[in-house]
Protein backbone atom coordinates (compact mmCIF):
# COMPACT_ATOMS: atom_id res chain seq x y z
CA MET A 1 -89.72 -114.05 61.23
CA LYS A 2 -86.58 -116.13 61.65
CA LEU A 3 -83.90 -115.02 59.20
CA LEU A 4 -80.47 -116.51 58.50
CA HIS A 5 -77.74 -114.56 56.72
CA CYS A 6 -74.98 -116.75 55.24
CA LEU A 7 -71.62 -115.00 55.17
CA ASN A 8 -68.15 -116.42 54.66
CA SER A 9 -66.38 -114.52 57.46
CA PRO A 10 -66.47 -111.36 59.60
CA LYS A 11 -63.21 -110.03 58.16
CA ILE A 12 -62.96 -106.35 57.20
CA GLY A 13 -64.56 -105.78 53.81
CA GLY A 14 -67.40 -103.85 52.21
CA ILE A 15 -69.71 -106.86 51.89
CA GLU A 16 -69.07 -108.02 55.45
CA ARG A 17 -69.71 -104.57 56.90
CA LEU A 18 -72.87 -104.18 54.81
CA VAL A 19 -74.38 -107.53 55.83
CA ILE A 20 -73.60 -107.09 59.53
CA ASN A 21 -75.02 -103.54 59.54
CA LEU A 22 -78.14 -104.85 57.78
CA ALA A 23 -78.50 -107.63 60.35
CA VAL A 24 -78.19 -105.13 63.22
CA GLU A 25 -80.88 -102.92 61.67
CA GLN A 26 -83.15 -105.91 61.05
CA LYS A 27 -82.82 -106.97 64.66
CA SER A 28 -83.69 -103.44 65.80
CA VAL A 29 -87.08 -103.67 64.01
CA GLY A 30 -87.93 -107.02 65.56
CA ILE A 31 -86.68 -109.65 63.11
CA ASP A 32 -85.09 -112.74 64.69
CA VAL A 33 -81.70 -112.64 62.93
CA THR A 34 -78.86 -115.18 62.92
CA ILE A 35 -75.60 -115.09 60.95
CA MET A 36 -73.96 -118.27 59.67
CA LEU A 37 -70.19 -118.00 59.29
CA ASP A 38 -67.74 -120.40 57.69
CA ILE A 39 -64.82 -118.68 59.45
CA VAL A 40 -65.15 -116.85 62.78
CA ASP A 41 -61.82 -115.02 62.65
CA GLY A 42 -62.31 -111.41 61.64
CA GLU A 43 -62.41 -107.82 62.82
CA TYR A 44 -66.22 -107.58 62.70
CA TYR A 45 -66.81 -110.67 64.88
CA GLN A 46 -66.94 -108.53 68.01
CA THR A 47 -69.54 -106.27 66.37
CA ILE A 48 -71.82 -109.27 65.91
CA ILE A 49 -71.33 -110.32 69.53
CA GLU A 50 -71.86 -106.79 70.89
CA ASN A 51 -75.17 -106.54 69.06
CA GLU A 52 -76.24 -109.92 70.49
CA ILE A 53 -76.82 -111.52 67.11
CA ASP A 54 -76.73 -115.32 67.20
CA ILE A 55 -73.95 -117.04 65.26
CA ILE A 56 -73.88 -120.49 63.67
CA VAL A 57 -70.54 -121.89 62.50
CA SER A 58 -71.20 -123.86 59.30
CA GLY A 59 -68.07 -125.99 59.33
CA VAL A 60 -67.82 -125.51 55.55
CA GLN A 61 -64.20 -125.06 54.53
CA SER A 62 -64.47 -124.27 50.81
CA GLY A 63 -66.97 -123.16 48.20
CA PHE A 64 -67.14 -126.61 46.60
CA GLU A 65 -66.80 -128.85 49.61
CA ILE A 66 -68.87 -132.04 49.36
CA SER A 67 -69.78 -133.97 52.51
CA LEU A 68 -72.98 -135.94 53.08
CA LEU A 69 -72.68 -135.46 56.84
CA LYS A 70 -72.35 -131.67 56.53
CA PHE A 71 -75.09 -131.56 53.88
CA ASN A 72 -77.57 -133.26 56.20
CA ASP A 73 -76.50 -131.07 59.13
CA LEU A 74 -76.94 -127.88 57.09
CA LYS A 75 -80.31 -129.00 55.74
CA SER A 76 -81.50 -129.68 59.28
CA GLN A 77 -80.31 -126.27 60.51
CA PHE A 78 -81.86 -124.43 57.56
CA LYS A 79 -85.31 -125.87 58.38
CA ILE A 80 -85.36 -123.78 61.57
CA PHE A 81 -85.48 -120.53 59.57
CA ASP A 82 -88.20 -118.90 57.50
CA VAL A 83 -85.74 -117.35 55.02
CA ILE A 84 -82.12 -118.18 54.12
CA HIS A 85 -80.28 -115.14 52.71
CA PHE A 86 -77.02 -115.93 50.89
CA HIS A 87 -74.30 -113.32 50.33
CA HIS A 88 -71.64 -115.59 48.83
CA PHE A 89 -71.74 -118.82 46.87
CA SER A 90 -71.34 -122.21 48.53
CA PHE A 91 -72.28 -125.34 46.60
CA ILE A 92 -73.09 -127.50 49.61
CA LYS A 93 -75.12 -124.76 51.33
CA SER A 94 -77.03 -124.00 48.14
CA LEU A 95 -77.98 -127.66 47.75
CA ALA A 96 -78.94 -127.96 51.41
CA ALA A 97 -81.20 -124.89 51.16
CA MET A 98 -83.12 -125.91 48.02
CA SER A 99 -86.14 -126.97 50.04
CA SER A 100 -86.06 -123.68 52.00
CA ASN A 101 -87.07 -120.12 51.10
CA THR A 102 -83.93 -118.56 49.68
CA VAL A 103 -82.67 -115.11 48.70
CA TYR A 104 -79.30 -114.57 47.02
CA THR A 105 -77.67 -111.14 46.91
CA ILE A 106 -74.83 -110.77 44.44
CA HIS A 107 -72.44 -108.02 45.51
CA GLY A 108 -70.34 -108.09 42.32
CA LEU A 109 -69.01 -110.44 39.65
CA SER A 110 -65.38 -111.60 39.65
CA LYS A 111 -65.42 -112.47 35.94
CA GLY A 112 -62.18 -111.34 34.38
CA VAL A 113 -60.81 -109.94 37.64
CA ARG A 114 -58.23 -112.64 38.21
CA LYS A 115 -56.47 -115.21 36.05
CA GLU A 116 -57.41 -118.84 36.70
CA ASN A 117 -57.61 -122.26 35.11
CA LYS A 118 -60.27 -122.18 32.36
CA ILE A 119 -61.58 -125.67 33.11
CA LYS A 120 -61.92 -124.88 36.81
CA TYR A 121 -63.59 -121.57 36.00
CA TYR A 122 -66.08 -123.15 33.58
CA PHE A 123 -66.98 -125.93 36.03
CA ARG A 124 -67.46 -123.51 38.91
CA GLU A 125 -69.60 -121.07 36.95
CA THR A 126 -71.75 -123.87 35.48
CA VAL A 127 -72.49 -125.26 38.93
CA LYS A 128 -73.06 -121.76 40.31
CA SER A 129 -75.44 -120.95 37.47
CA PHE A 130 -77.48 -124.08 38.21
CA CYS A 131 -77.80 -123.19 41.89
CA LEU A 132 -78.56 -119.48 41.38
CA ASN A 133 -81.38 -120.37 39.02
CA LYS A 134 -83.05 -122.29 41.87
CA VAL A 135 -83.30 -119.43 44.41
CA ASP A 136 -86.63 -117.72 45.09
CA VAL A 137 -85.35 -114.18 44.57
CA PHE A 138 -82.05 -113.02 43.08
CA ILE A 139 -80.97 -109.52 44.15
CA ALA A 140 -78.22 -107.25 42.82
CA ASN A 141 -76.88 -104.07 44.41
CA SER A 142 -77.12 -102.08 41.14
CA GLN A 143 -78.70 -102.35 37.71
CA TYR A 144 -75.19 -102.68 36.30
CA THR A 145 -74.49 -105.76 38.44
CA LEU A 146 -77.90 -107.27 37.65
CA ASN A 147 -77.38 -106.86 33.90
CA LEU A 148 -74.00 -108.60 34.14
CA ALA A 149 -75.46 -111.41 36.26
CA LYS A 150 -78.35 -112.03 33.85
CA LYS A 151 -75.96 -112.17 30.93
CA HIS A 152 -73.60 -114.51 32.78
CA TYR A 153 -76.01 -116.79 34.67
CA GLY A 154 -79.21 -116.60 32.63
CA LEU A 155 -81.78 -116.15 35.42
CA GLN A 156 -84.68 -116.18 32.94
CA LYS A 157 -87.08 -117.95 35.31
CA VAL A 158 -85.88 -116.39 38.58
CA LYS A 159 -87.40 -113.24 40.03
CA SER A 160 -84.51 -110.77 39.93
CA ILE A 161 -84.51 -107.23 41.28
CA VAL A 162 -82.20 -104.41 42.36
CA ILE A 163 -81.89 -103.27 45.97
CA LEU A 164 -79.32 -100.52 46.35
CA ASN A 165 -76.89 -100.78 49.24
CA GLY A 166 -77.51 -98.69 52.32
CA ILE A 167 -75.29 -97.27 55.05
CA ASN A 168 -75.84 -95.69 58.44
CA VAL A 169 -76.71 -92.04 57.79
CA LYS A 170 -78.01 -91.11 61.25
CA ASN A 171 -75.05 -88.87 62.13
CA SER A 172 -74.72 -87.18 58.74
CA GLU A 173 -76.76 -84.13 59.72
CA ASN A 174 -73.89 -83.09 62.02
CA VAL A 175 -71.33 -83.03 59.19
CA ASN A 176 -69.81 -79.60 58.59
CA PRO A 177 -69.60 -79.13 54.80
CA LEU A 178 -67.68 -75.84 54.94
CA LEU A 179 -64.30 -75.55 53.27
CA ASN A 180 -61.31 -76.08 55.53
CA ASN A 181 -58.44 -75.53 53.08
CA LYS A 182 -56.85 -72.51 51.52
CA TYR A 183 -56.02 -74.76 48.56
CA PHE A 184 -58.49 -76.19 46.08
CA THR A 185 -58.39 -79.85 47.06
CA ILE A 186 -59.33 -82.90 44.99
CA GLY A 187 -59.75 -86.06 47.05
CA LEU A 188 -59.88 -89.82 46.62
CA VAL A 189 -60.38 -92.42 49.36
CA THR A 190 -59.87 -95.92 48.02
CA ARG A 191 -58.07 -99.25 48.04
CA PHE A 192 -55.10 -99.14 45.70
CA ILE A 193 -55.93 -101.90 43.21
CA TYR A 194 -55.93 -101.93 39.40
CA ARG A 195 -59.72 -101.67 39.03
CA LYS A 196 -59.71 -98.32 40.85
CA ARG A 197 -57.81 -96.77 37.89
CA ILE A 198 -56.04 -94.14 39.98
CA ASP A 199 -53.80 -93.54 36.97
CA ARG A 200 -56.73 -91.85 35.20
CA LEU A 201 -57.13 -89.35 38.01
CA ILE A 202 -53.42 -88.55 38.11
CA MET A 203 -53.29 -87.88 34.37
CA ALA A 204 -56.44 -85.75 34.56
CA PHE A 205 -54.87 -83.78 37.39
CA LYS A 206 -51.81 -83.19 35.20
CA TYR A 207 -54.05 -81.82 32.43
CA PHE A 208 -55.87 -79.68 35.03
CA ILE A 209 -52.54 -78.10 36.06
CA GLU A 210 -51.62 -77.53 32.40
CA MET A 211 -54.97 -75.71 31.92
CA GLY A 212 -53.96 -73.25 34.64
CA GLY A 213 -55.61 -74.98 37.57
CA VAL A 214 -54.02 -74.71 41.02
CA GLY A 215 -54.66 -77.20 43.80
CA LYS A 216 -53.74 -80.36 45.64
CA LEU A 217 -54.63 -83.97 44.87
CA ILE A 218 -54.97 -86.06 48.06
CA LEU A 219 -54.92 -89.85 47.63
CA VAL A 220 -55.96 -91.68 50.81
CA GLY A 221 -55.43 -95.43 51.02
CA ASP A 222 -53.05 -98.29 50.37
CA GLY A 223 -52.89 -101.52 48.45
CA LYS A 224 -51.23 -103.48 45.64
CA THR A 225 -50.83 -100.54 43.26
CA PHE A 226 -49.56 -98.00 45.81
CA ASN A 227 -45.96 -98.16 44.54
CA ASP A 228 -47.09 -98.00 40.90
CA THR A 229 -49.15 -94.93 41.73
CA LYS A 230 -46.23 -93.27 43.49
CA ALA A 231 -43.99 -94.03 40.49
CA LEU A 232 -46.51 -92.43 38.11
CA VAL A 233 -46.64 -89.30 40.29
CA ASP A 234 -42.83 -89.16 40.23
CA ASN A 235 -42.65 -89.70 36.46
CA GLU A 236 -45.16 -86.95 35.76
CA LYS A 237 -43.30 -84.60 38.17
CA LEU A 238 -46.39 -84.00 40.27
CA ASN A 239 -44.78 -84.65 43.67
CA LYS A 240 -45.32 -81.08 44.85
CA ASP A 241 -49.09 -81.20 44.38
CA VAL A 242 -50.02 -84.88 44.83
CA ILE A 243 -50.07 -86.24 48.40
CA LEU A 244 -50.28 -89.98 49.11
CA THR A 245 -51.30 -90.38 52.74
CA GLY A 246 -51.21 -94.16 53.01
CA TYR A 247 -53.86 -96.12 54.90
CA LYS A 248 -55.95 -94.15 57.42
CA THR A 249 -58.47 -95.61 59.86
CA ASP A 250 -60.41 -92.35 60.19
CA VAL A 251 -61.02 -90.58 56.88
CA SER A 252 -63.69 -88.14 58.09
CA GLU A 253 -61.32 -85.18 58.34
CA TYR A 254 -60.11 -85.80 54.80
CA TYR A 255 -63.65 -85.84 53.45
CA ARG A 256 -64.43 -82.60 55.26
CA GLY A 257 -61.37 -80.94 53.76
CA PHE A 258 -61.97 -82.00 50.15
CA ASP A 259 -63.56 -79.55 47.72
CA ILE A 260 -64.48 -82.37 45.40
CA CYS A 261 -64.21 -86.18 45.32
CA VAL A 262 -63.22 -88.11 42.21
CA PHE A 263 -63.62 -91.88 41.93
CA PRO A 264 -61.92 -92.96 38.68
CA SER A 265 -62.58 -96.70 39.02
CA GLU A 266 -64.15 -98.84 36.32
CA ASN A 267 -66.80 -101.58 36.59
CA GLU A 268 -67.78 -100.92 40.21
CA PRO A 269 -70.57 -103.25 41.40
CA PHE A 270 -72.03 -100.43 43.49
CA GLY A 271 -69.70 -97.66 44.68
CA LEU A 272 -70.36 -97.00 48.35
CA VAL A 273 -67.60 -94.37 48.41
CA GLY A 274 -69.81 -92.13 46.28
CA VAL A 275 -72.54 -92.24 48.91
CA GLU A 276 -70.02 -91.54 51.67
CA ALA A 277 -68.74 -88.48 49.81
CA TYR A 278 -72.30 -87.18 49.35
CA LEU A 279 -72.91 -87.57 53.08
CA TYR A 280 -70.13 -85.02 53.56
CA GLY A 281 -71.82 -82.74 51.03
CA LYS A 282 -69.07 -83.07 48.43
CA PRO A 283 -69.49 -83.14 44.64
CA VAL A 284 -68.60 -86.51 43.10
CA ILE A 285 -67.13 -87.16 39.66
CA ALA A 286 -67.13 -90.63 38.09
CA PHE A 287 -66.37 -92.13 34.69
CA LYS A 288 -68.98 -93.40 32.27
CA ASP A 289 -67.56 -96.93 32.59
CA SER A 290 -67.73 -96.88 36.40
CA GLY A 291 -70.62 -99.35 36.52
CA GLY A 292 -72.81 -99.10 39.62
CA LEU A 293 -71.06 -95.93 40.74
CA MET A 294 -72.54 -94.05 37.78
CA GLU A 295 -76.03 -95.01 39.01
CA ILE A 296 -75.32 -93.13 42.24
CA VAL A 297 -73.86 -89.98 40.69
CA GLU A 298 -75.87 -89.47 37.49
CA PRO A 299 -79.33 -88.87 39.02
CA LEU A 300 -77.99 -85.98 41.12
CA GLU A 301 -75.02 -84.67 39.11
CA PRO A 302 -75.29 -85.85 35.48
CA ASN A 303 -72.64 -83.36 34.34
CA ASN A 304 -70.15 -85.12 36.62
CA ILE A 305 -70.10 -88.28 34.52
CA VAL A 306 -67.01 -87.99 32.34
CA GLU A 307 -65.80 -89.81 29.22
CA ASP A 308 -62.02 -89.66 29.65
CA GLU A 309 -59.12 -87.97 31.45
CA LYS A 310 -59.34 -84.70 29.51
CA HIS A 311 -63.08 -84.47 30.15
CA LEU A 312 -62.34 -85.03 33.84
CA ALA A 313 -59.73 -82.26 33.77
CA LYS A 314 -62.36 -79.85 32.42
CA ARG A 315 -64.77 -80.73 35.25
CA LEU A 316 -62.00 -80.22 37.80
CA PHE A 317 -61.28 -76.81 36.27
CA PHE A 318 -65.00 -75.96 36.42
CA TYR A 319 -65.08 -76.63 40.19
CA PHE A 320 -61.77 -74.79 40.61
CA GLN A 321 -63.40 -71.72 39.06
CA ASN A 322 -66.66 -72.24 41.00
CA ARG A 323 -65.39 -73.40 44.36
CA GLY A 324 -68.42 -72.07 46.20
CA LEU A 325 -70.59 -74.83 44.69
CA THR A 326 -69.08 -77.27 47.18
CA SER A 327 -70.71 -75.61 50.18
CA SER A 328 -73.74 -74.00 48.50
CA GLN A 329 -75.08 -77.36 47.25
CA ALA A 330 -73.85 -79.49 50.16
CA LYS A 331 -77.26 -79.79 51.85
CA GLU A 332 -78.84 -81.09 48.65
CA ARG A 333 -76.18 -83.79 48.34
CA ILE A 334 -76.54 -84.88 51.96
CA THR A 335 -80.33 -85.05 51.65
CA TYR A 336 -80.04 -87.09 48.44
CA ALA A 337 -77.75 -89.64 50.13
CA MET A 338 -79.89 -89.89 53.25
CA ASP A 339 -83.13 -90.31 51.30
CA ASN A 340 -81.86 -92.92 48.86
CA PHE A 341 -79.04 -94.87 50.51
CA SER A 342 -79.91 -95.34 54.19
CA ILE A 343 -79.67 -98.72 55.89
CA GLN A 344 -83.28 -98.19 57.00
CA ARG A 345 -84.46 -97.98 53.38
CA MET A 346 -82.45 -101.07 52.53
CA GLU A 347 -83.95 -103.00 55.46
CA ARG A 348 -87.51 -102.14 54.39
CA GLU A 349 -86.92 -103.26 50.81
CA TYR A 350 -85.44 -106.57 51.92
CA PHE A 351 -88.32 -107.10 54.37
CA ASP A 352 -90.77 -106.67 51.49
CA VAL A 353 -88.88 -109.37 49.57
CA TYR A 354 -89.03 -111.76 52.53
CA LYS A 355 -92.78 -111.16 52.94
CA THR A 356 -93.35 -111.88 49.25
CA ILE A 357 -91.52 -115.19 49.50
CA LEU A 358 -93.46 -116.22 52.59
CA GLY A 359 -96.69 -115.40 50.78
């Protein structure tokens, strides 16, 4: 089977890492994999080269570029492959692939995330809707994302399914889940952006302290809202117990040291951080409006889905009073993550989709 993944660039990002890891796994089981890039600059480019995965540079410079010469070139290149797997939208590539077997994976919707011209937005989404309704199989990384996509794009006549994201879990059995801190430690590893709602965690931590809880809140990461977060910590006079580490390349030691992980974000397309925390054996708490993240946490720890900041504070206090649950149930969490969110499972489910398309 000759498979082509279409990706915008190899820059650092969750989607890019996921697609490249999937391609590496697919190659390891014997699939002839190629990645088409619009831009070759990026931190993961060397990973593609090191794993000897072929690269095609599309020459496409924007999502709505129109060029008859490039259209014909893309159409000719697509004919070489049995399946074209899209991971981002490109008008010209979508048109060029309409006579090919196509899969489209949506990794999240940007609706409402950024302000933009309404006419431009309507035009883009109308064209995108037309193209997405022509693919052979439409795939979402969570039921939450799929429900949003169906509501937004229609997809009544397109086969649409959910395939949960997977990550490399081969080394997780060596993780030491034992407690390393004398303090009860609540942890968050994230990008500092508005959707992550770090403010909710800080306020819940304040309520936790007011209830008589004692511990440290460790916030690992950086981003646009870092200064706002620091200002909120200052305003609530939590400086003594809230530690902002900034960006860290290796977060493994932080995960090992946490008693519990809280991810207060809203409307997450998937929530890979929840899986990562489980691979370290840590309990995970998420909000009811967390989107795809709730789908990861609820099957294993339904009591850890909270309604608001005060509900979160009560769960934090529960784990503060029952700290031993972190280590005593660690193996169950690791097993759950390995069984349900491995890259191997993801590869098999995608392979079944490809086989179905090829008939």
